[in-house]
C-alpha atoms as a PDB file:
ATOM      1  CA  MET A   1     -54.501-138.255  -5.157  1.00  0.00           C
ATOM      2  CA  ASN A   2     -57.119-135.663  -4.242  1.00  0.00           C
ATOM      3  CA  LYS A   3     -54.435-132.962  -3.876  1.00  0.00           C
ATOM      4  CA  PHE A   4     -53.143-133.803  -7.330  1.00  0.00           C
ATOM      5  CA  LEU A   5     -56.614-133.526  -8.876  1.00  0.00           C
ATOM      6  CA  ALA A   6     -57.257-130.249  -7.049  1.00  0.00           C
ATOM      7  CA  ALA A   7     -53.947-128.837  -8.297  1.00  0.00           C
ATOM      8  CA  ALA A   8     -54.707-129.950 -11.859  1.00  0.00           C
ATOM      9  CA  ALA A   9     -58.151-128.317 -11.688  1.00  0.00           C
ATOM     10  CA  LEU A  10     -56.672-125.040 -10.427  1.00  0.00           C
ATOM     11  CA  VAL A  11     -54.040-125.040 -13.162  1.00  0.00           C
ATOM     12  CA  THR A  12     -56.728-125.657 -15.793  1.00  0.00           C
ATOM     13  CA  ILE A  13     -58.890-122.824 -14.463  1.00  0.00           C
ATOM     14  CA  ALA A  14     -55.946-120.419 -14.270  1.00  0.00           C
ATOM     15  CA  THR A  15     -54.857-121.258 -17.814  1.00  0.00           C
ATOM     16  CA  ALA A  16     -58.340-120.750 -19.212  1.00  0.00           C
ATOM     17  CA  SER A  17     -58.782-117.427 -17.426  1.00  0.00           C
ATOM     18  CA  THR A  18     -55.544-115.949 -18.826  1.00  0.00           C
ATOM     19  CA  ALA A  19     -55.771-117.424 -22.329  1.00  0.00           C
ATOM     20  CA  GLY A  20     -57.105-114.316 -24.075  1.00  0.00           C
ATOM     21  CA  SER A  21     -55.696-111.572 -21.917  1.00  0.00           C
ATOM     22  CA  TYR A  22     -52.651-110.691 -24.042  1.00  0.00           C
ATOM     23  CA  ALA A  23     -52.840-107.107 -25.238  1.00  0.00           C
ATOM     24  CA  ALA A  24     -50.711-106.453 -28.311  1.00  0.00           C
ATOM     25  CA  PRO A  25     -48.589-103.293 -28.237  1.00  0.00           C
ATOM     26  CA  ALA A  26     -50.097-100.313 -30.033  1.00  0.00           C
ATOM     27  CA  ASP A  27     -47.034 -99.609 -32.180  1.00  0.00           C
ATOM     28  CA  PRO A  28     -44.656-102.219 -33.559  1.00  0.00           C
ATOM     29  CA  PRO A  29     -41.084-101.872 -32.298  1.00  0.00           C
ATOM     30  CA  VAL A  30     -38.931 -99.575 -34.400  1.00  0.00           C
ATOM     31  CA  MET A  31     -35.642-101.077 -35.506  1.00  0.00           C
ATOM     32  CA  ALA A  32     -32.734 -99.232 -37.021  1.00  0.00           C
ATOM     33  CA  PRO A  33     -31.926-100.161 -40.631  1.00  0.00           C
ATOM     34  CA  VAL A  34     -29.039-102.550 -41.133  1.00  0.00           C
ATOM     35  CA  ILE A  35     -26.180-101.172 -43.219  1.00  0.00           C
ATOM     36  CA  ILE A  36     -23.856-103.715 -44.815  1.00  0.00           C
ATOM     37  CA  GLU A  37     -20.481-102.426 -45.895  1.00  0.00           C
ATOM     38  CA  GLU A  38     -18.098-104.356 -48.066  1.00  0.00           C
ATOM     39  CA  GLN A  39     -14.463-103.990 -47.200  1.00  0.00           C
ATOM     40  CA  ALA A  40     -12.019-103.872 -50.073  1.00  0.00           C
ATOM     41  CA  ALA A  41      -9.455-106.634 -49.915  1.00  0.00           C
ATOM     42  CA  SER A  42      -5.926-105.340 -50.037  1.00  0.00           C
ATOM     43  CA  SER A  43      -3.921-107.196 -52.643  1.00  0.00           C
ATOM     44  CA  SER A  44      -0.555-106.187 -51.191  1.00  0.00           C
ATOM     45  CA  SER A  45      -0.772-108.393 -48.079  1.00  0.00           C
ATOM     46  CA  PRO A  46      -1.412-112.155 -48.304  1.00  0.00           C
ATOM     47  CA  SER A  47      -4.447-113.638 -46.680  1.00  0.00           C
ATOM     48  CA  ALA A  48      -4.220-115.580 -43.425  1.00  0.00           C
ATOM     49  CA  GLY A  49      -5.120-118.849 -45.138  1.00  0.00           C
ATOM     50  CA  LEU A  50      -2.255-118.524 -47.576  1.00  0.00           C
ATOM     51  CA  VAL A  51       0.230-117.743 -44.811  1.00  0.00           C
ATOM     52  CA  LEU A  52      -1.017-120.646 -42.704  1.00  0.00           C
ATOM     53  CA  GLY A  53      -0.833-123.052 -45.641  1.00  0.00           C
ATOM     54  CA  LEU A  54       2.677-122.025 -46.610  1.00  0.00           C
ATOM     55  CA  THR A  55       3.872-122.177 -43.005  1.00  0.00           C
ATOM     56  CA  THR A  56       2.434-125.675 -42.611  1.00  0.00           C
ATOM     57  CA  LEU A  57       4.081-126.768 -45.845  1.00  0.00           C
ATOM     58  CA  VAL A  58       7.473-125.422 -44.746  1.00  0.00           C
ATOM     59  CA  ILE A  59       7.231-127.075 -41.308  1.00  0.00           C
ATOM     60  CA  PHE A  60       6.261-130.480 -42.728  1.00  0.00           C
ATOM     61  CA  SER A  61       8.921-130.366 -45.423  1.00  0.00           C
ATOM     62  CA  ALA A  62      11.554-129.457 -42.814  1.00  0.00           C
ATOM     63  CA  ALA A  63      10.381-132.344 -40.636  1.00  0.00           C
ATOM     64  CA  LEU A  64      10.568-134.793 -43.546  1.00  0.00           C
ATOM     65  CA  ALA A  65      14.048-133.603 -44.505  1.00  0.00           C
ATOM     66  CA  ASN A  66      15.485-134.564 -41.108  1.00  0.00           C
END
């Protein structure tokens, strides 16, 4: 029990001694600007969702026909 109290006292002292020792950096970090580009959707090729939906519909209708 005495070792536990001694350890708790040392932890408390160490925490109190380092509580205000954080030195903030002089300059804030410099981050590159974020550039967002919109990609034009090509109307000549179907989207993946449309192809997946049609494929599923064809497979299920073929399964029901048999």
